[in-house]
Amino acid sequence: MRGKPTCARTAAAREDRPSEQPAPDGFQASIAPRSCLARRFCQNATLMSKALPARPRVPAKAKSAFALVVSRYNSEYTSALEQNAHEELLAIDPNATVEVFDAPGSFEIPLIVKLLAERRQYHAILALGIILKGETAHADLIAASITNSLQQIALSHGVPVIHEVLLLNNEDQARARCLEPELNRGREAARAAAAVAHAVREIITG
């Protein structure tokens, strides 16, 4: 079931990360070479980050309600995130209700999430968007603002908010995370939403 678009369309930008500043004189010399153990840890962390979380088990009588807030900028990828998240939520909880709300771009997602959180009728809200880096630092600023805003909404309203607004370097990364099964972040978001919704419900109901 699709909710009505909430905002007028605004321009969204492709952005990039500002270049790193050189380290102060002598700073590099004070850092010990990375050990073999540290290298193995970093390699393992990289491998683990590619694995989707296991599909959670929820009670048959859960009947959870979820809202998807989806940016329509870079729609080839965000529509795939939406579809995969929607299908996965229903695979986990066939009795769930899922509503979809459009945002013109990723920057507008937090406002819509806030308005939905204030309704207090959803067990979790999923924020889905793609930000592709360009030639300025604008993307990093947008991504940081979205991250902070979504966290504050979740904490202020006591409603789980799944942050799946992805800041990516290029379209190859977007295809891997939105269109391919191995790193699919739509499925990942759905599993996280179902799991945290169940956990919060158990805490509240005792």
Protein backbone atom coordinates (compact mmCIF):
# COMPACT_ATOMS: atom_id res chain seq x y z
CA MET A 1 0.00 0.00 0.00
CA ARG A 2 1.58 3.29 -1.07
CA GLY A 3 1.21 6.50 0.88
CA LYS A 4 0.82 9.81 -0.87
CA PRO A 5 4.01 11.70 -1.81
CA THR A 6 4.76 14.07 1.02
CA CYS A 7 7.02 16.70 -0.54
CA ALA A 8 7.50 18.64 -3.76
CA ARG A 9 10.43 17.48 -5.83
CA THR A 10 13.70 19.25 -5.14
CA ALA A 11 17.07 19.03 -6.78
CA ALA A 12 19.50 16.50 -5.38
CA ALA A 13 23.23 16.57 -6.04
CA ARG A 14 25.99 14.13 -6.69
CA GLU A 15 28.78 14.80 -4.27
CA ASP A 16 32.20 13.66 -3.14
CA ARG A 17 34.47 13.53 -0.15
CA PRO A 18 36.98 16.34 0.44
CA SER A 19 40.59 15.34 -0.03
CA GLU A 20 42.39 14.17 3.06
CA GLN A 21 44.76 16.62 4.71
CA PRO A 22 48.40 15.55 5.05
CA ALA A 23 49.41 14.39 8.52
CA PRO A 24 51.47 16.77 10.66
CA ASP A 25 55.25 16.39 10.48
CA GLY A 26 56.44 13.44 12.51
CA PHE A 27 52.98 11.98 12.97
CA GLN A 28 53.46 9.08 10.57
CA ALA A 29 56.75 8.16 12.20
CA SER A 30 54.99 7.73 15.55
CA ILE A 31 52.66 5.05 14.21
CA ALA A 32 53.94 1.50 14.50
CA PRO A 33 53.69 -0.76 11.42
CA ARG A 34 50.47 -2.75 11.30
CA SER A 35 50.90 -6.22 12.73
CA CYS A 36 49.92 -9.44 11.01
CA LEU A 37 47.12 -9.85 13.56
CA ALA A 38 45.78 -6.40 12.77
CA ARG A 39 45.92 -7.12 9.05
CA ARG A 40 43.98 -10.34 9.54
CA PHE A 41 41.41 -8.52 11.67
CA CYS A 42 40.85 -5.88 8.99
CA GLN A 43 40.55 -8.53 6.31
CA ASN A 44 38.02 -10.47 8.36
CA ALA A 45 36.02 -7.32 9.09
CA THR A 46 35.87 -6.61 5.37
CA LEU A 47 34.63 -10.11 4.68
CA MET A 48 32.06 -10.01 7.48
CA SER A 49 30.63 -6.72 6.26
CA LYS A 50 29.58 -8.42 3.02
CA ALA A 51 27.40 -11.02 4.74
CA LEU A 52 23.72 -10.25 5.21
CA PRO A 53 22.33 -10.85 8.71
CA ALA A 54 20.33 -14.04 9.10
CA ARG A 55 16.60 -13.80 8.52
CA PRO A 56 15.04 -13.25 11.97
CA ARG A 57 12.23 -15.37 13.35
CA VAL A 58 9.21 -13.47 14.59
CA PRO A 59 6.04 -14.83 16.23
CA ALA A 60 3.28 -15.78 13.80
CA LYS A 61 0.92 -13.41 15.61
CA ALA A 62 3.28 -10.43 15.36
CA LYS A 63 1.33 -8.52 12.66
CA SER A 64 3.88 -5.73 12.55
CA ALA A 65 3.45 -2.46 10.66
CA PHE A 66 6.35 -1.02 8.68
CA ALA A 67 6.82 2.20 6.72
CA LEU A 68 9.30 2.55 3.87
CA VAL A 69 10.46 6.08 3.09
CA VAL A 70 12.08 5.93 -0.35
CA SER A 71 14.06 8.61 -2.16
CA ARG A 72 13.07 8.84 -5.84
CA TYR A 73 16.41 10.32 -6.85
CA ASN A 74 18.57 7.60 -8.42
CA SER A 75 15.30 5.69 -8.74
CA GLU A 76 16.79 2.74 -10.61
CA TYR A 77 18.54 1.79 -7.39
CA THR A 78 16.12 3.07 -4.76
CA SER A 79 13.20 1.26 -6.40
CA ALA A 80 15.20 -1.95 -6.17
CA LEU A 81 15.91 -1.26 -2.49
CA GLU A 82 12.19 -0.74 -1.94
CA GLN A 83 11.17 -3.91 -3.76
CA ASN A 84 13.69 -6.10 -1.97
CA ALA A 85 12.86 -4.64 1.44
CA HIS A 86 9.13 -5.01 0.86
CA GLU A 87 9.40 -8.63 -0.30
CA GLU A 88 11.73 -9.56 2.55
CA LEU A 89 9.49 -8.03 5.20
CA LEU A 90 6.56 -10.11 3.97
CA ALA A 91 8.73 -13.20 3.75
CA ILE A 92 9.67 -12.73 7.42
CA ASP A 93 6.19 -11.73 8.59
CA PRO A 94 3.41 -12.62 6.10
CA ASN A 95 0.88 -10.80 8.31
CA ALA A 96 2.80 -7.53 8.27
CA THR A 97 1.48 -4.35 6.72
CA VAL A 98 3.93 -2.30 4.66
CA GLU A 99 3.30 1.27 3.50
CA VAL A 100 5.54 3.19 1.13
CA PHE A 101 6.09 6.94 1.20
CA ASP A 102 8.03 8.83 -1.47
CA ALA A 103 10.68 11.47 -0.84
CA PRO A 104 12.04 13.52 -3.75
CA GLY A 105 15.62 13.04 -2.57
CA SER A 106 17.59 11.62 0.32
CA PHE A 107 17.82 14.96 2.12
CA GLU A 108 14.03 15.06 2.52
CA ILE A 109 13.82 11.57 4.05
CA PRO A 110 14.31 12.57 7.72
CA LEU A 111 11.36 15.00 7.71
CA ILE A 112 9.01 12.34 6.36
CA VAL A 113 10.39 9.78 8.83
CA LYS A 114 9.77 12.24 11.68
CA LEU A 115 6.15 12.82 10.65
CA LEU A 116 5.57 9.08 10.42
CA ALA A 117 7.24 8.46 13.77
CA GLU A 118 4.88 10.98 15.36
CA ARG A 119 1.91 8.85 14.25
CA ARG A 120 3.18 6.05 16.51
CA GLN A 121 1.55 3.40 14.32
CA TYR A 122 4.64 1.72 12.87
CA HIS A 123 6.86 -0.82 14.57
CA ALA A 124 9.82 0.31 12.42
CA ILE A 125 10.50 2.84 9.70
CA LEU A 126 12.99 2.09 6.91
CA ALA A 127 14.82 4.99 5.25
CA LEU A 128 15.99 3.99 1.77
CA GLY A 129 18.12 6.20 -0.48
CA ILE A 130 21.24 6.44 -2.60
CA ILE A 131 23.73 9.31 -2.59
CA LEU A 132 26.41 9.12 -5.29
CA LYS A 133 29.56 11.10 -4.79
CA GLY A 134 30.60 13.74 -7.31
CA GLU A 135 33.24 16.43 -7.34
CA THR A 136 32.42 18.37 -4.17
CA ALA A 137 31.98 17.63 -0.47
CA HIS A 138 28.21 18.14 -0.69
CA ALA A 139 27.41 14.41 -0.56
CA ASP A 140 29.30 13.94 2.70
CA LEU A 141 27.46 16.86 4.28
CA ILE A 142 24.08 15.48 3.20
CA ALA A 143 24.95 11.97 4.42
CA ALA A 144 26.13 13.22 7.81
CA SER A 145 23.02 15.34 8.26
CA ILE A 146 20.74 12.42 7.38
CA THR A 147 22.55 10.06 9.74
CA ASN A 148 22.32 12.46 12.68
CA SER A 149 18.68 13.31 11.97
CA LEU A 150 17.52 9.69 11.70
CA GLN A 151 19.27 8.75 14.93
CA GLN A 152 17.69 11.65 16.77
CA ILE A 153 14.22 10.78 15.46
CA ALA A 154 14.56 7.19 16.64
CA LEU A 155 15.75 8.23 20.09
CA SER A 156 13.25 11.06 20.52
CA HIS A 157 10.19 9.05 19.48
CA GLY A 158 11.18 5.57 20.59
CA VAL A 159 10.53 4.18 17.11
CA PRO A 160 13.18 2.05 15.36
CA VAL A 161 14.52 3.78 12.25
CA ILE A 162 16.59 1.68 9.85
CA HIS A 163 19.19 3.84 8.14
CA GLU A 164 19.72 2.52 4.64
CA VAL A 165 20.57 5.78 2.90
CA LEU A 166 23.78 4.70 1.22
CA LEU A 167 26.68 7.03 0.44
CA LEU A 168 28.49 5.40 -2.48
CA ASN A 169 31.44 6.20 -4.69
CA ASN A 170 29.95 5.12 -8.01
CA GLU A 171 27.17 3.25 -9.77
CA ASP A 172 29.06 -0.03 -9.63
CA GLN A 173 28.71 0.06 -5.85
CA ALA A 174 25.04 1.00 -6.21
CA ARG A 175 24.36 -1.94 -8.51
CA ALA A 176 26.10 -4.36 -6.14
CA ARG A 177 24.09 -3.17 -3.13
CA CYS A 178 20.71 -2.60 -4.73
CA LEU A 179 20.39 -4.95 -7.69
CA GLU A 180 22.56 -7.95 -6.81
CA PRO A 181 21.68 -10.52 -4.13
CA GLU A 182 25.00 -10.87 -2.29
CA LEU A 183 25.19 -7.38 -0.73
CA ASN A 184 21.53 -6.49 -1.09
CA ARG A 185 20.85 -3.67 1.35
CA GLY A 186 17.11 -3.76 0.86
CA ARG A 187 16.95 -7.27 2.28
CA GLU A 188 19.41 -6.27 5.00
CA ALA A 189 17.23 -3.31 6.01
CA ALA A 190 14.13 -5.51 6.18
CA ARG A 191 15.82 -8.08 8.39
CA ALA A 192 17.13 -5.39 10.72
CA ALA A 193 13.69 -3.78 10.89
CA ALA A 194 11.91 -7.03 11.72
CA ALA A 195 14.49 -7.95 14.36
CA VAL A 196 14.53 -4.60 16.15
CA ALA A 197 10.75 -4.25 15.98
CA HIS A 198 10.39 -7.59 17.72
CA ALA A 199 13.04 -6.69 20.32
CA VAL A 200 11.43 -3.34 21.13
CA ARG A 201 8.00 -4.92 21.39
CA GLU A 202 9.28 -7.50 23.87
CA ILE A 203 10.95 -4.82 25.99
CA ILE A 204 7.84 -2.62 26.06
CA THR A 205 5.37 -5.42 26.76
CA GLY A 206 7.66 -7.12 29.25
